[in-house]
Structures are given as structure tokens and as C-alpha cells.
Amino acid sequence: MTRWSTYYGAGIVMGMTPRQVDECTLWEFASCSEGFRKANQTEEQAPPAMSDDAAADLGIVGF
């Protein structure tokens, strides 16, 4: 059983109306969803490691 509310909710986030979601095949909707995800993902980089001395200079101790 398919929960269409999940597709409608994702479609709204992507700027689609419920009727536009209805008009998509599952393959088309999945392609739109993947493209939206790629266009809106962030490329966050991990912060650099902090040395014990640098942490101590900031008042962070006990790790």
C-alpha cells in the first residue's frame, strides 16, 4: 500500500502542486526528487581537529 501523503509532502517542498504530483509517474517523481536533493544539499566540511593546547587556550579542559 502506497502512502501518497509522503509524495504530496515531498512534492510541495519541491514546489509542485498535488495535481502535478498526480501527473508524474513514480520514475519521473523519483528523478525530480533526486535532482532537487542534489541541487539543495550542502557540502559541509568537517572542522579541522583542535589540538589539546588550542583547546586549553580556550578554557576547554578535561577531555
N, C-alpha and C. Protein backbone atom coordinates (compact mmCIF):
# COMPACT_ATOMS: atom_id res chain seq x y z
N MET A 1 0.84 -1.17 0.00
CA MET A 1 0.00 0.00 0.00
C MET A 1 0.89 1.25 0.00
N THR A 2 0.60 2.16 -0.87
CA THR A 2 1.40 3.38 -1.00
C THR A 2 0.78 4.50 -0.18
N ARG A 3 1.62 5.21 0.57
CA ARG A 3 1.17 6.38 1.33
C ARG A 3 1.41 7.61 0.47
N TRP A 4 0.39 8.03 -0.24
CA TRP A 4 0.53 9.15 -1.17
C TRP A 4 0.83 10.46 -0.46
N SER A 5 0.47 10.55 0.81
CA SER A 5 0.74 11.79 1.54
C SER A 5 2.24 12.09 1.58
N THR A 6 3.06 11.06 1.60
CA THR A 6 4.51 11.24 1.58
C THR A 6 4.94 11.90 0.27
N TYR A 7 4.38 11.44 -0.84
CA TYR A 7 4.72 12.01 -2.15
C TYR A 7 4.20 13.44 -2.27
N TYR A 8 2.99 13.68 -1.79
CA TYR A 8 2.44 15.04 -1.85
C TYR A 8 3.27 15.99 -1.01
N GLY A 9 3.68 15.55 0.18
CA GLY A 9 4.51 16.40 1.05
C GLY A 9 5.84 16.73 0.40
N ALA A 10 6.48 15.73 -0.19
CA ALA A 10 7.76 15.97 -0.87
C ALA A 10 7.56 16.86 -2.09
N GLY A 11 6.46 16.67 -2.79
CA GLY A 11 6.17 17.50 -3.97
C GLY A 11 5.98 18.96 -3.59
N ILE A 12 5.30 19.22 -2.48
CA ILE A 12 5.10 20.59 -2.02
C ILE A 12 6.44 21.25 -1.73
N VAL A 13 7.34 20.51 -1.07
CA VAL A 13 8.67 21.04 -0.77
C VAL A 13 9.40 21.40 -2.06
N MET A 14 9.19 20.61 -3.11
CA MET A 14 9.86 20.86 -4.39
C MET A 14 9.13 21.91 -5.23
N GLY A 15 8.01 22.43 -4.72
CA GLY A 15 7.27 23.47 -5.44
C GLY A 15 6.21 22.94 -6.39
N MET A 16 5.84 21.68 -6.23
CA MET A 16 4.83 21.08 -7.09
C MET A 16 3.46 21.14 -6.40
N THR A 17 2.42 21.19 -7.20
CA THR A 17 1.06 21.10 -6.66
C THR A 17 0.68 19.62 -6.55
N PRO A 18 -0.33 19.30 -5.77
CA PRO A 18 -0.77 17.90 -5.71
C PRO A 18 -1.15 17.36 -7.09
N ARG A 19 -1.74 18.17 -7.95
CA ARG A 19 -2.10 17.70 -9.30
C ARG A 19 -0.87 17.38 -10.12
N GLN A 20 0.19 18.18 -9.95
CA GLN A 20 1.43 17.90 -10.68
C GLN A 20 2.06 16.59 -10.20
N VAL A 21 1.97 16.33 -8.91
CA VAL A 21 2.46 15.06 -8.37
C VAL A 21 1.65 13.92 -8.97
N ASP A 22 0.33 14.08 -9.04
CA ASP A 22 -0.53 13.04 -9.63
C ASP A 22 -0.16 12.74 -11.08
N GLU A 23 0.26 13.76 -11.81
CA GLU A 23 0.57 13.60 -13.23
C GLU A 23 1.92 12.92 -13.47
N CYS A 24 2.76 12.83 -12.45
CA CYS A 24 4.07 12.20 -12.59
C CYS A 24 3.96 10.68 -12.46
N THR A 25 4.79 9.99 -13.23
CA THR A 25 4.98 8.57 -12.95
C THR A 25 5.90 8.48 -11.75
N LEU A 26 5.99 7.33 -11.13
CA LEU A 26 6.90 7.19 -9.99
C LEU A 26 8.35 7.43 -10.42
N TRP A 27 8.71 6.99 -11.63
CA TRP A 27 10.07 7.22 -12.14
C TRP A 27 10.33 8.72 -12.31
N GLU A 28 9.37 9.45 -12.86
CA GLU A 28 9.54 10.90 -13.03
C GLU A 28 9.66 11.60 -11.68
N PHE A 29 8.82 11.20 -10.74
CA PHE A 29 8.85 11.83 -9.42
C PHE A 29 10.17 11.54 -8.73
N ALA A 30 10.66 10.32 -8.81
CA ALA A 30 11.93 9.96 -8.20
C ALA A 30 13.07 10.77 -8.82
N SER A 31 13.02 10.98 -10.12
CA SER A 31 14.05 11.78 -10.80
C SER A 31 14.00 13.23 -10.33
N CYS A 32 12.80 13.79 -10.21
CA CYS A 32 12.65 15.16 -9.70
C CYS A 32 13.18 15.27 -8.27
N SER A 33 12.84 14.29 -7.46
CA SER A 33 13.26 14.30 -6.07
C SER A 33 14.78 14.22 -5.96
N GLU A 34 15.40 13.36 -6.75
CA GLU A 34 16.86 13.22 -6.73
C GLU A 34 17.53 14.51 -7.20
N GLY A 35 17.01 15.12 -8.26
CA GLY A 35 17.56 16.38 -8.74
C GLY A 35 17.42 17.50 -7.71
N PHE A 36 16.28 17.56 -7.05
CA PHE A 36 16.06 18.57 -6.02
C PHE A 36 17.04 18.37 -4.86
N ARG A 37 17.23 17.12 -4.46
CA ARG A 37 18.15 16.82 -3.37
C ARG A 37 19.57 17.25 -3.73
N LYS A 38 20.02 16.91 -4.94
CA LYS A 38 21.37 17.28 -5.36
C LYS A 38 21.54 18.79 -5.44
N ALA A 39 20.53 19.49 -5.90
CA ALA A 39 20.61 20.94 -6.06
C ALA A 39 20.60 21.66 -4.72
N ASN A 40 20.05 21.05 -3.68
CA ASN A 40 19.89 21.73 -2.41
C ASN A 40 20.72 21.16 -1.26
N GLN A 41 21.57 20.19 -1.56
CA GLN A 41 22.40 19.64 -0.48
C GLN A 41 23.57 20.58 -0.20
N THR A 42 24.07 20.52 0.99
CA THR A 42 25.22 21.34 1.35
C THR A 42 26.48 20.48 1.34
N GLU A 43 27.55 21.10 1.03
CA GLU A 43 28.84 20.42 1.01
C GLU A 43 29.63 20.85 2.25
N GLU A 44 29.12 20.49 3.39
CA GLU A 44 29.77 20.87 4.63
C GLU A 44 31.04 20.05 4.84
N GLN A 45 32.08 20.74 5.23
CA GLN A 45 33.34 20.07 5.52
C GLN A 45 33.48 19.95 7.03
N ALA A 46 34.12 18.87 7.44
CA ALA A 46 34.36 18.66 8.86
C ALA A 46 35.32 19.74 9.36
N PRO A 47 35.09 20.24 10.56
CA PRO A 47 36.02 21.24 11.09
C PRO A 47 37.39 20.61 11.33
N PRO A 48 38.44 21.41 11.24
CA PRO A 48 39.77 20.85 11.49
C PRO A 48 39.90 20.42 12.95
N ALA A 49 40.72 19.43 13.15
CA ALA A 49 40.95 18.93 14.52
C ALA A 49 41.61 20.02 15.36
N MET A 50 41.24 20.08 16.63
CA MET A 50 41.82 21.08 17.52
C MET A 50 42.81 20.38 18.46
N SER A 51 43.98 20.96 18.57
CA SER A 51 44.98 20.38 19.46
C SER A 51 44.58 20.61 20.91
N ASP A 52 45.14 19.81 21.79
CA ASP A 52 44.86 19.96 23.22
C ASP A 52 45.30 21.34 23.73
N ASP A 53 46.41 21.84 23.20
CA ASP A 53 46.89 23.16 23.62
C ASP A 53 45.93 24.26 23.20
N ALA A 54 45.40 24.16 21.96
CA ALA A 54 44.45 25.17 21.48
C ALA A 54 43.17 25.11 22.31
N ALA A 55 42.70 23.92 22.65
CA ALA A 55 41.50 23.78 23.47
C ALA A 55 41.74 24.37 24.86
N ALA A 56 42.91 24.11 25.41
CA ALA A 56 43.24 24.65 26.74
C ALA A 56 43.29 26.18 26.71
N ASP A 57 43.81 26.74 25.61
CA ASP A 57 43.84 28.20 25.46
C ASP A 57 42.43 28.80 25.48
N LEU A 58 41.45 28.03 25.04
CA LEU A 58 40.06 28.48 25.02
C LEU A 58 39.34 28.17 26.32
N GLY A 59 40.04 27.52 27.25
CA GLY A 59 39.43 27.18 28.52
C GLY A 59 38.70 25.85 28.52
N ILE A 60 38.93 25.05 27.49
CA ILE A 60 38.29 23.73 27.39
C ILE A 60 39.28 22.70 27.93
N VAL A 61 38.92 22.07 29.01
CA VAL A 61 39.81 21.08 29.63
C VAL A 61 38.99 19.87 30.04
N GLY A 62 39.67 18.75 30.22
CA GLY A 62 39.02 17.57 30.76
C GLY A 62 38.57 16.55 29.73
N PHE A 63 39.04 16.64 28.51
CA PHE A 63 38.65 15.65 27.51
C PHE A 63 39.72 14.60 27.36
